[in-house]
PDB file of N, CA and C in Angstrom:
ATOM      1  N   MET A   1     -15.046  22.609 -28.455  1.00  0.00           N
ATOM      2  CA  MET A   1     -14.996  21.292 -29.609  1.00  0.00           C
ATOM      3  C   MET A   1     -15.334  19.969 -28.649  1.00  0.00           C
ATOM      4  N   LEU A   2     -16.254  19.351 -29.254  1.00  0.00           N
ATOM      5  CA  LEU A   2     -16.808  18.152 -28.761  1.00  0.00           C
ATOM      6  C   LEU A   2     -15.658  17.166 -29.007  1.00  0.00           C
ATOM      7  N   MET A   3     -15.286  16.446 -27.833  1.00  0.00           N
ATOM      8  CA  MET A   3     -14.244  15.223 -27.847  1.00  0.00           C
ATOM      9  C   MET A   3     -14.863  14.084 -27.807  1.00  0.00           C
ATOM     10  N   ALA A   4     -14.356  13.169 -28.237  1.00  0.00           N
ATOM     11  CA  ALA A   4     -14.907  11.874 -28.119  1.00  0.00           C
ATOM     12  C   ALA A   4     -14.682  11.428 -27.122  1.00  0.00           C
ATOM     13  N   GLN A   5     -15.347  10.963 -26.107  1.00  0.00           N
ATOM     14  CA  GLN A   5     -15.080  10.426 -24.826  1.00  0.00           C
ATOM     15  C   GLN A   5     -14.496   8.921 -24.929  1.00  0.00           C
ATOM     16  N   GLY A   6     -13.181   8.944 -24.222  1.00  0.00           N
ATOM     17  CA  GLY A   6     -12.733   7.474 -24.014  1.00  0.00           C
ATOM     18  C   GLY A   6     -11.666   6.979 -25.098  1.00  0.00           C
ATOM     19  N   LYS A   7     -11.902   7.993 -26.031  1.00  0.00           N
ATOM     20  CA  LYS A   7     -10.786   7.669 -27.198  1.00  0.00           C
ATOM     21  C   LYS A   7      -9.755   8.905 -27.380  1.00  0.00           C
ATOM     22  N   PRO A   8      -8.336   7.806 -27.881  1.00  0.00           N
ATOM     23  CA  PRO A   8      -7.192   8.779 -27.931  1.00  0.00           C
ATOM     24  C   PRO A   8      -7.414  10.016 -29.327  1.00  0.00           C
ATOM     25  N   ALA A   9      -6.679  10.970 -28.714  1.00  0.00           N
ATOM     26  CA  ALA A   9      -6.800  11.859 -29.822  1.00  0.00           C
ATOM     27  C   ALA A   9      -5.472  12.055 -30.483  1.00  0.00           C
ATOM     28  N   LYS A  10      -5.469  12.551 -31.940  1.00  0.00           N
ATOM     29  CA  LYS A  10      -4.175  12.492 -32.616  1.00  0.00           C
ATOM     30  C   LYS A  10      -4.258  14.108 -32.729  1.00  0.00           C
ATOM     31  N   LEU A  11      -2.897  14.414 -32.192  1.00  0.00           N
ATOM     32  CA  LEU A  11      -2.555  15.872 -32.366  1.00  0.00           C
ATOM     33  C   LEU A  11      -1.262  16.153 -33.107  1.00  0.00           C
ATOM     34  N   HIS A  12      -1.246  17.480 -33.611  1.00  0.00           N
ATOM     35  CA  HIS A  12       0.104  17.835 -34.436  1.00  0.00           C
ATOM     36  C   HIS A  12       0.667  18.975 -33.321  1.00  0.00           C
ATOM     37  N   TYR A  13       1.856  18.519 -32.753  1.00  0.00           N
ATOM     38  CA  TYR A  13       2.449  19.401 -31.559  1.00  0.00           C
ATOM     39  C   TYR A  13       3.339  20.623 -32.077  1.00  0.00           C
ATOM     40  N   LEU A  14       2.748  21.786 -31.914  1.00  0.00           N
ATOM     41  CA  LEU A  14       3.591  23.117 -32.403  1.00  0.00           C
ATOM     42  C   LEU A  14       4.225  23.578 -31.175  1.00  0.00           C
ATOM     43  N   ALA A  15       4.817  24.598 -31.431  1.00  0.00           N
ATOM     44  CA  ALA A  15       5.584  25.372 -30.261  1.00  0.00           C
ATOM     45  C   ALA A  15       4.501  26.218 -29.431  1.00  0.00           C
ATOM     46  N   GLY A  16       4.454  25.842 -28.558  1.00  0.00           N
ATOM     47  CA  GLY A  16       3.289  26.290 -27.438  1.00  0.00           C
ATOM     48  C   GLY A  16       1.950  25.755 -27.777  1.00  0.00           C
ATOM     49  N   SER A  17       1.551  24.986 -28.477  1.00  0.00           N
ATOM     50  CA  SER A  17       0.073  24.918 -28.718  1.00  0.00           C
ATOM     51  C   SER A  17       0.219  23.309 -29.644  1.00  0.00           C
ATOM     52  N   PHE A  18      -1.100  22.911 -29.863  1.00  0.00           N
ATOM     53  CA  PHE A  18      -1.354  21.812 -30.543  1.00  0.00           C
ATOM     54  C   PHE A  18      -2.549  21.942 -31.394  1.00  0.00           C
ATOM     55  N   ARG A  19      -2.553  21.053 -32.279  1.00  0.00           N
ATOM     56  CA  ARG A  19      -3.911  20.964 -33.232  1.00  0.00           C
ATOM     57  C   ARG A  19      -4.264  19.746 -33.084  1.00  0.00           C
ATOM     58  N   VAL A  20      -5.596  19.614 -32.993  1.00  0.00           N
ATOM     59  CA  VAL A  20      -6.373  18.202 -32.867  1.00  0.00           C
ATOM     60  C   VAL A  20      -6.470  17.793 -34.435  1.00  0.00           C
ATOM     61  N   LEU A  21      -6.001  17.029 -34.710  1.00  0.00           N
ATOM     62  CA  LEU A  21      -6.173  16.143 -36.155  1.00  0.00           C
ATOM     63  C   LEU A  21      -7.211  15.177 -36.023  1.00  0.00           C
ATOM     64  N   VAL A  22      -7.564  14.257 -34.953  1.00  0.00           N
ATOM     65  CA  VAL A  22      -8.457  13.356 -34.690  1.00  0.00           C
ATOM     66  C   VAL A  22      -8.881  13.385 -33.434  1.00  0.00           C
ATOM     67  N   PRO A  23     -10.354  13.780 -32.986  1.00  0.00           N
ATOM     68  CA  PRO A  23     -10.673  14.157 -31.958  1.00  0.00           C
ATOM     69  C   PRO A  23     -10.765  12.832 -30.941  1.00  0.00           C
ATOM     70  N   GLY A  24     -10.465  13.339 -29.773  1.00  0.00           N
ATOM     71  CA  GLY A  24     -10.504  12.092 -28.510  1.00  0.00           C
ATOM     72  C   GLY A  24     -10.438  13.001 -27.458  1.00  0.00           C
ATOM     73  N   ASP A  25     -10.333  12.312 -26.193  1.00  0.00           N
ATOM     74  CA  ASP A  25     -10.329  12.945 -24.865  1.00  0.00           C
ATOM     75  C   ASP A  25      -8.904  13.071 -23.889  1.00  0.00           C
ATOM     76  N   HIS A  26      -8.044  12.402 -24.714  1.00  0.00           N
ATOM     77  CA  HIS A  26      -6.571  11.973 -24.511  1.00  0.00           C
ATOM     78  C   HIS A  26      -5.448  11.627 -25.260  1.00  0.00           C
ATOM     79  N   VAL A  27      -4.282  11.681 -24.710  1.00  0.00           N
ATOM     80  CA  VAL A  27      -3.091  11.044 -25.561  1.00  0.00           C
ATOM     81  C   VAL A  27      -2.371  10.361 -24.475  1.00  0.00           C
ATOM     82  N   VAL A  28      -1.515   9.402 -25.183  1.00  0.00           N
ATOM     83  CA  VAL A  28      -0.695   8.576 -24.225  1.00  0.00           C
ATOM     84  C   VAL A  28       0.815   8.917 -24.110  1.00  0.00           C
ATOM     85  N   CYS A  29       1.303   9.025 -23.192  1.00  0.00           N
ATOM     86  CA  CYS A  29       2.807   9.501 -22.720  1.00  0.00           C
ATOM     87  C   CYS A  29       3.628   8.334 -23.750  1.00  0.00           C
ATOM     88  N   ALA A  30       4.357   9.060 -24.475  1.00  0.00           N
ATOM     89  CA  ALA A  30       5.539   8.063 -24.837  1.00  0.00           C
ATOM     90  C   ALA A  30       6.487   7.474 -24.212  1.00  0.00           C
ATOM     91  N   LYS A  31       6.742   7.800 -22.969  1.00  0.00           N
ATOM     92  CA  LYS A  31       7.815   7.390 -22.266  1.00  0.00           C
ATOM     93  C   LYS A  31       6.944   6.354 -21.296  1.00  0.00           C
ATOM     94  N   SER A  32       5.926   6.727 -20.548  1.00  0.00           N
ATOM     95  CA  SER A  32       5.083   6.007 -19.459  1.00  0.00           C
ATOM     96  C   SER A  32       3.991   5.137 -19.885  1.00  0.00           C
ATOM     97  N   GLY A  33       3.468   5.535 -20.801  1.00  0.00           N
ATOM     98  CA  GLY A  33       2.249   5.010 -21.610  1.00  0.00           C
ATOM     99  C   GLY A  33       1.181   5.337 -20.763  1.00  0.00           C
ATOM    100  N   GLU A  34       1.315   6.635 -20.068  1.00  0.00           N
ATOM    101  CA  GLU A  34       0.083   6.975 -18.883  1.00  0.00           C
ATOM    102  C   GLU A  34      -1.027   7.797 -19.718  1.00  0.00           C
ATOM    103  N   ARG A  35      -2.062   7.546 -19.536  1.00  0.00           N
ATOM    104  CA  ARG A  35      -3.036   8.563 -20.426  1.00  0.00           C
ATOM    105  C   ARG A  35      -3.097   9.934 -19.796  1.00  0.00           C
ATOM    106  N   ILE A  36      -3.147  10.989 -20.726  1.00  0.00           N
ATOM    107  CA  ILE A  36      -2.848  12.112 -20.355  1.00  0.00           C
ATOM    108  C   ILE A  36      -4.356  13.045 -20.937  1.00  0.00           C
ATOM    109  N   ALA A  37      -5.152  13.474 -20.395  1.00  0.00           N
ATOM    110  CA  ALA A  37      -6.277  14.094 -20.427  1.00  0.00           C
ATOM    111  C   ALA A  37      -5.865  15.352 -21.344  1.00  0.00           C
ATOM    112  N   LEU A  38      -6.322  15.610 -22.348  1.00  0.00           N
ATOM    113  CA  LEU A  38      -5.872  16.922 -23.172  1.00  0.00           C
ATOM    114  C   LEU A  38      -5.939  18.179 -22.563  1.00  0.00           C
ATOM    115  N   GLU A  39      -6.828  18.247 -21.386  1.00  0.00           N
ATOM    116  CA  GLU A  39      -6.687  19.356 -20.588  1.00  0.00           C
ATOM    117  C   GLU A  39      -5.764  19.585 -19.603  1.00  0.00           C
ATOM    118  N   ASP A  40      -5.062  18.436 -19.482  1.00  0.00           N
ATOM    119  CA  ASP A  40      -3.910  18.428 -18.569  1.00  0.00           C
ATOM    120  C   ASP A  40      -2.518  18.314 -19.243  1.00  0.00           C
ATOM    121  N   LEU A  41      -2.561  18.111 -20.766  1.00  0.00           N
ATOM    122  CA  LEU A  41      -1.511  18.062 -21.739  1.00  0.00           C
ATOM    123  C   LEU A  41      -0.354  19.379 -21.163  1.00  0.00           C
ATOM    124  N   ARG A  42       0.685  19.274 -20.930  1.00  0.00           N
ATOM    125  CA  ARG A  42       1.416  20.346 -20.862  1.00  0.00           C
ATOM    126  C   ARG A  42       2.954  20.373 -21.292  1.00  0.00           C
ATOM    127  N   TYR A  43       3.273  19.060 -22.000  1.00  0.00           N
ATOM    128  CA  TYR A  43       4.820  18.792 -22.082  1.00  0.00           C
ATOM    129  C   TYR A  43       4.616  17.954 -23.421  1.00  0.00           C
ATOM    130  N   TRP A  44       5.233  18.315 -24.397  1.00  0.00           N
ATOM    131  CA  TRP A  44       5.471  17.686 -25.364  1.00  0.00           C
ATOM    132  C   TRP A  44       6.706  17.948 -26.620  1.00  0.00           C
ATOM    133  N   SER A  45       7.014  17.286 -27.639  1.00  0.00           N
ATOM    134  CA  SER A  45       8.208  17.579 -28.335  1.00  0.00           C
ATOM    135  C   SER A  45       7.572  17.757 -29.727  1.00  0.00           C
ATOM    136  N   VAL A  46       8.218  18.940 -30.168  1.00  0.00           N
ATOM    137  CA  VAL A  46       7.642  19.271 -31.574  1.00  0.00           C
ATOM    138  C   VAL A  46       8.409  18.580 -32.561  1.00  0.00           C
ATOM    139  N   SER A  47       9.778  18.190 -32.288  1.00  0.00           N
ATOM    140  CA  SER A  47      10.523  17.565 -33.390  1.00  0.00           C
ATOM    141  C   SER A  47      10.233  15.928 -33.280  1.00  0.00           C
ATOM    142  N   ARG A  48       9.775  15.304 -32.193  1.00  0.00           N
ATOM    143  CA  ARG A  48       9.301  14.123 -31.978  1.00  0.00           C
ATOM    144  C   ARG A  48       7.954  13.842 -32.330  1.00  0.00           C
ATOM    145  N   GLN A  49       7.350  14.765 -32.102  1.00  0.00           N
ATOM    146  CA  GLN A  49       5.516  14.554 -32.168  1.00  0.00           C
ATOM    147  C   GLN A  49       5.202  13.712 -31.145  1.00  0.00           C
ATOM    148  N   GLU A  50       5.618  13.754 -29.952  1.00  0.00           N
ATOM    149  CA  GLU A  50       5.142  12.933 -29.002  1.00  0.00           C
ATOM    150  C   GLU A  50       4.832  13.808 -27.544  1.00  0.00           C
ATOM    151  N   ALA A  51       3.798  13.096 -26.934  1.00  0.00           N
ATOM    152  CA  ALA A  51       3.270  13.728 -25.769  1.00  0.00           C
ATOM    153  C   ALA A  51       4.014  12.985 -24.321  1.00  0.00           C
ATOM    154  N   TYR A  52       4.447  13.883 -23.091  1.00  0.00           N
ATOM    155  CA  TYR A  52       4.811  13.326 -22.292  1.00  0.00           C
ATOM    156  C   TYR A  52       3.726  13.623 -20.836  1.00  0.00           C
ATOM    157  N   ALA A  53       3.883  12.923 -19.859  1.00  0.00           N
ATOM    158  CA  ALA A  53       2.860  13.027 -18.609  1.00  0.00           C
ATOM    159  C   ALA A  53       3.634  14.103 -17.593  1.00  0.00           C
ATOM    160  N   THR A  54       4.859  14.245 -17.630  1.00  0.00           N
ATOM    161  CA  THR A  54       5.476  14.917 -16.510  1.00  0.00           C
ATOM    162  C   THR A  54       6.867  15.822 -17.203  1.00  0.00           C
ATOM    163  N   ALA A  55       7.242  17.131 -16.593  1.00  0.00           N
ATOM    164  CA  ALA A  55       8.291  17.309 -16.886  1.00  0.00           C
ATOM    165  C   ALA A  55       9.813  16.792 -16.980  1.00  0.00           C
ATOM    166  N   GLU A  56       9.884  15.745 -15.813  1.00  0.00           N
ATOM    167  CA  GLU A  56      10.776  14.793 -15.739  1.00  0.00           C
ATOM    168  C   GLU A  56      10.754  14.023 -17.034  1.00  0.00           C
ATOM    169  N   LEU A  57       9.908  13.324 -17.645  1.00  0.00           N
ATOM    170  CA  LEU A  57       9.927  12.506 -18.587  1.00  0.00           C
ATOM    171  C   LEU A  57      10.236  13.465 -19.776  1.00  0.00           C
ATOM    172  N   ALA A  58       9.850  14.484 -19.946  1.00  0.00           N
ATOM    173  CA  ALA A  58      10.018  15.418 -21.382  1.00  0.00           C
ATOM    174  C   ALA A  58      11.437  15.462 -21.254  1.00  0.00           C
ATOM    175  N   SER A  59      12.243  15.978 -19.983  1.00  0.00           N
ATOM    176  CA  SER A  59      13.576  16.659 -20.081  1.00  0.00           C
ATOM    177  C   SER A  59      14.413  15.096 -20.239  1.00  0.00           C
ATOM    178  N   ALA A  60      14.028  13.875 -19.697  1.00  0.00           N
ATOM    179  CA  ALA A  60      14.685  12.622 -20.074  1.00  0.00           C
ATOM    180  C   ALA A  60      14.712  12.510 -21.385  1.00  0.00           C
ATOM    181  N   ALA A  61      13.637  12.476 -22.296  1.00  0.00           N
ATOM    182  CA  ALA A  61      13.248  12.332 -23.762  1.00  0.00           C
ATOM    183  C   ALA A  61      14.390  13.250 -24.193  1.00  0.00           C
ATOM    184  N   GLU A  62      14.527  14.418 -23.958  1.00  0.00           N
ATOM    185  CA  GLU A  62      15.329  15.591 -24.569  1.00  0.00           C
ATOM    186  C   GLU A  62      16.600  15.063 -24.424  1.00  0.00           C
ATOM    187  N   ARG A  63      17.189  14.719 -23.071  1.00  0.00           N
ATOM    188  CA  ARG A  63      18.584  14.519 -23.068  1.00  0.00           C
ATOM    189  C   ARG A  63      18.858  13.295 -23.759  1.00  0.00           C
ATOM    190  N   LYS A  64      18.062  12.096 -24.050  1.00  0.00           N
ATOM    191  CA  LYS A  64      18.482  10.910 -24.611  1.00  0.00           C
ATOM    192  C   LYS A  64      18.588  11.396 -26.064  1.00  0.00           C
ATOM    193  N   GLY A  65      17.745  12.526 -26.328  1.00  0.00           N
ATOM    194  CA  GLY A  65      18.164  12.884 -28.118  1.00  0.00           C
ATOM    195  C   GLY A  65      17.164  12.086 -28.896  1.00  0.00           C
TER     196      GLY A  65
END
């Protein structure tokens, strides 16, 4: 899939995968604001529909509820 360089993607997060709704080359971490390249995206919340840059940030978001 051809990705739009330098533009954020809009994703629908699923259990174990995600679907690209709007093409882009990155998403933004919901906690740190860090850009995450789609090929590096490993952590997200299906219920919150948000991405996280690290496992620690994902765990903290989950604990916070």
